[in-house]
Amino acid sequence: MTANVAKYWADYQDQKNCSDSKENLESYIETVLEAIKNERTFQRKTRRSKMDGIFQETIEWINNNQSATNQEFVDKFKDLDQLISPILQRASENTNDIVEEEEVDI
């Protein structure tokens, strides 16, 4: 009986970890989309459409891979972060340039 309990507990932990990883991925997408929603820097169509495309692909992947493993969700999160972080970094640098230019004009 102890072996069965241990097996069920391990299965439960795997499912919970997988669910948590999926939720982290979805939350990351929602958080970044909300953050850039009204951000002036992201109103440029090329940058915004690139990010929208990346997020749409990821959302489709989530929808098509409901039975993905925890590691697959973790890997997808890492892949998404590697794609999005440089865009956010460049946008942040551009925002700083815009703010500095506006301060000079005043």
C-alpha atoms as a PDB file:
ATOM      1  CA  MET A   1       0.000   0.000   0.000  1.00  0.00           C
ATOM      2  CA  THR A   2       2.836   2.402   0.777  1.00  0.00           C
ATOM      3  CA  ALA A   3       4.184   1.917  -2.742  1.00  0.00           C
ATOM      4  CA  ASN A   4       0.794   2.876  -4.201  1.00  0.00           C
ATOM      5  CA  VAL A   5       0.605   5.991  -2.050  1.00  0.00           C
ATOM      6  CA  ALA A   6       4.103   7.004  -3.100  1.00  0.00           C
ATOM      7  CA  LYS A   7       3.245   6.437  -6.759  1.00  0.00           C
ATOM      8  CA  TYR A   8       0.036   8.463  -6.526  1.00  0.00           C
ATOM      9  CA  TRP A   9       1.845  11.215  -4.666  1.00  0.00           C
ATOM     10  CA  ALA A  10       4.558  11.344  -7.333  1.00  0.00           C
ATOM     11  CA  ASP A  11       1.912  11.450 -10.075  1.00  0.00           C
ATOM     12  CA  TYR A  12       0.111  14.234  -8.237  1.00  0.00           C
ATOM     13  CA  GLN A  13       3.332  16.231  -7.884  1.00  0.00           C
ATOM     14  CA  ASP A  14       4.107  15.792 -11.587  1.00  0.00           C
ATOM     15  CA  GLN A  15       0.638  16.994 -12.558  1.00  0.00           C
ATOM     16  CA  LYS A  16       0.848  19.938 -10.171  1.00  0.00           C
ATOM     17  CA  ASN A  17       4.278  20.951 -11.465  1.00  0.00           C
ATOM     18  CA  CYS A  18       3.023  20.701 -15.029  1.00  0.00           C
ATOM     19  CA  SER A  19      -0.049  22.774 -14.225  1.00  0.00           C
ATOM     20  CA  ASP A  20       2.063  25.384 -12.431  1.00  0.00           C
ATOM     21  CA  SER A  21       4.471  25.624 -15.372  1.00  0.00           C
ATOM     22  CA  LYS A  22       1.601  26.051 -17.817  1.00  0.00           C
ATOM     23  CA  GLU A  23       0.081  28.767 -15.624  1.00  0.00           C
ATOM     24  CA  ASN A  24       3.464  30.524 -15.377  1.00  0.00           C
ATOM     25  CA  LEU A  25       3.743  30.568 -19.160  1.00  0.00           C
ATOM     26  CA  GLU A  26       0.209  31.914 -19.597  1.00  0.00           C
ATOM     27  CA  SER A  27       0.739  34.484 -16.851  1.00  0.00           C
ATOM     28  CA  TYR A  28       3.968  35.690 -18.457  1.00  0.00           C
ATOM     29  CA  ILE A  29       2.151  36.274 -21.730  1.00  0.00           C
ATOM     30  CA  GLU A  30      -0.692  38.143 -20.022  1.00  0.00           C
ATOM     31  CA  THR A  31       1.689  40.255 -17.929  1.00  0.00           C
ATOM     32  CA  VAL A  32       3.838  41.339 -20.855  1.00  0.00           C
ATOM     33  CA  LEU A  33       0.825  42.031 -23.063  1.00  0.00           C
ATOM     34  CA  GLU A  34      -0.745  44.163 -20.339  1.00  0.00           C
ATOM     35  CA  ALA A  35       2.524  46.007 -19.733  1.00  0.00           C
ATOM     36  CA  ILE A  36       2.950  46.914 -23.390  1.00  0.00           C
ATOM     37  CA  LYS A  37      -0.713  47.571 -24.103  1.00  0.00           C
ATOM     38  CA  ASN A  38      -0.492  51.336 -23.850  1.00  0.00           C
ATOM     39  CA  GLU A  39       3.254  51.749 -23.854  1.00  0.00           C
ATOM     40  CA  ARG A  40       4.192  54.348 -26.439  1.00  0.00           C
ATOM     41  CA  THR A  41       7.314  52.445 -27.439  1.00  0.00           C
ATOM     42  CA  PHE A  42       5.273  49.443 -28.543  1.00  0.00           C
ATOM     43  CA  GLN A  43       2.861  51.367 -30.683  1.00  0.00           C
ATOM     44  CA  ARG A  44       5.251  50.974 -33.602  1.00  0.00           C
ATOM     45  CA  LYS A  45       3.561  48.391 -35.758  1.00  0.00           C
ATOM     46  CA  THR A  46       6.653  46.377 -36.610  1.00  0.00           C
ATOM     47  CA  ARG A  47       7.697  45.819 -33.001  1.00  0.00           C
ATOM     48  CA  ARG A  48       4.154  45.227 -31.790  1.00  0.00           C
ATOM     49  CA  SER A  49       3.253  42.847 -34.610  1.00  0.00           C
ATOM     50  CA  LYS A  50       6.437  40.855 -34.027  1.00  0.00           C
ATOM     51  CA  MET A  51       5.580  40.421 -30.353  1.00  0.00           C
ATOM     52  CA  ASP A  52       1.928  39.666 -31.112  1.00  0.00           C
ATOM     53  CA  GLY A  53       3.056  36.973 -33.543  1.00  0.00           C
ATOM     54  CA  ILE A  54       5.378  35.400 -30.985  1.00  0.00           C
ATOM     55  CA  PHE A  55       2.649  35.389 -28.346  1.00  0.00           C
ATOM     56  CA  GLN A  56       0.049  34.032 -30.763  1.00  0.00           C
ATOM     57  CA  GLU A  57       2.342  31.155 -31.716  1.00  0.00           C
ATOM     58  CA  THR A  58       2.909  30.362 -28.046  1.00  0.00           C
ATOM     59  CA  ILE A  59      -0.805  30.489 -27.233  1.00  0.00           C
ATOM     60  CA  GLU A  60      -1.517  28.155 -30.146  1.00  0.00           C
ATOM     61  CA  TRP A  61       1.220  25.826 -28.906  1.00  0.00           C
ATOM     62  CA  ILE A  62      -0.354  25.774 -25.427  1.00  0.00           C
ATOM     63  CA  ASN A  63      -3.795  25.056 -26.894  1.00  0.00           C
ATOM     64  CA  ASN A  64      -2.448  22.276 -29.107  1.00  0.00           C
ATOM     65  CA  ASN A  65      -0.293  20.715 -26.380  1.00  0.00           C
ATOM     66  CA  GLN A  66      -2.592  20.415 -23.383  1.00  0.00           C
ATOM     67  CA  SER A  67      -0.911  17.154 -22.431  1.00  0.00           C
ATOM     68  CA  ALA A  68       2.626  18.546 -22.609  1.00  0.00           C
ATOM     69  CA  THR A  69       5.012  17.610 -19.844  1.00  0.00           C
ATOM     70  CA  ASN A  70       6.267  19.955 -17.175  1.00  0.00           C
ATOM     71  CA  GLN A  71       9.651  20.135 -18.891  1.00  0.00           C
ATOM     72  CA  GLU A  72       8.037  21.058 -22.209  1.00  0.00           C
ATOM     73  CA  PHE A  73       6.204  23.974 -20.568  1.00  0.00           C
ATOM     74  CA  VAL A  74       9.396  25.064 -18.809  1.00  0.00           C
ATOM     75  CA  ASP A  75      11.328  24.885 -22.087  1.00  0.00           C
ATOM     76  CA  LYS A  76       8.621  26.834 -23.916  1.00  0.00           C
ATOM     77  CA  PHE A  77       8.741  29.524 -21.224  1.00  0.00           C
ATOM     78  CA  LYS A  78      12.524  29.785 -21.586  1.00  0.00           C
ATOM     79  CA  ASP A  79      12.238  29.966 -25.381  1.00  0.00           C
ATOM     80  CA  LEU A  80       9.605  32.689 -25.141  1.00  0.00           C
ATOM     81  CA  ASP A  81      11.636  34.664 -22.637  1.00  0.00           C
ATOM     82  CA  GLN A  82      14.707  34.463 -24.877  1.00  0.00           C
ATOM     83  CA  LEU A  83      12.683  35.882 -27.775  1.00  0.00           C
ATOM     84  CA  ILE A  84      10.855  38.588 -25.830  1.00  0.00           C
ATOM     85  CA  SER A  85      13.559  39.839 -23.455  1.00  0.00           C
ATOM     86  CA  PRO A  86      15.744  41.399 -26.175  1.00  0.00           C
ATOM     87  CA  ILE A  87      12.718  43.183 -27.645  1.00  0.00           C
ATOM     88  CA  LEU A  88      11.762  44.537 -24.223  1.00  0.00           C
ATOM     89  CA  GLN A  89      15.364  45.550 -23.570  1.00  0.00           C
ATOM     90  CA  ARG A  90      15.631  47.457 -26.853  1.00  0.00           C
ATOM     91  CA  ALA A  91      12.292  49.112 -26.205  1.00  0.00           C
ATOM     92  CA  SER A  92      13.435  50.143 -22.743  1.00  0.00           C
ATOM     93  CA  GLU A  93      16.584  51.671 -24.198  1.00  0.00           C
ATOM     94  CA  ASN A  94      14.525  53.496 -26.828  1.00  0.00           C
ATOM     95  CA  THR A  95      12.157  54.777 -24.151  1.00  0.00           C
ATOM     96  CA  ASN A  96      15.085  56.192 -22.219  1.00  0.00           C
ATOM     97  CA  ASP A  97      16.286  57.942 -25.377  1.00  0.00           C
ATOM     98  CA  ILE A  98      12.817  59.396 -25.964  1.00  0.00           C
ATOM     99  CA  VAL A  99      12.580  60.642 -22.378  1.00  0.00           C
ATOM    100  CA  GLU A 100      16.031  62.225 -22.575  1.00  0.00           C
ATOM    101  CA  GLU A 101      15.156  63.934 -25.872  1.00  0.00           C
ATOM    102  CA  GLU A 102      11.894  65.244 -24.430  1.00  0.00           C
ATOM    103  CA  GLU A 103      13.707  66.578 -21.369  1.00  0.00           C
ATOM    104  CA  VAL A 104      16.161  68.429 -23.601  1.00  0.00           C
ATOM    105  CA  ASP A 105      13.329  69.969 -25.637  1.00  0.00           C
ATOM    106  CA  ILE A 106      11.656  71.378 -22.535  1.00  0.00           C
END
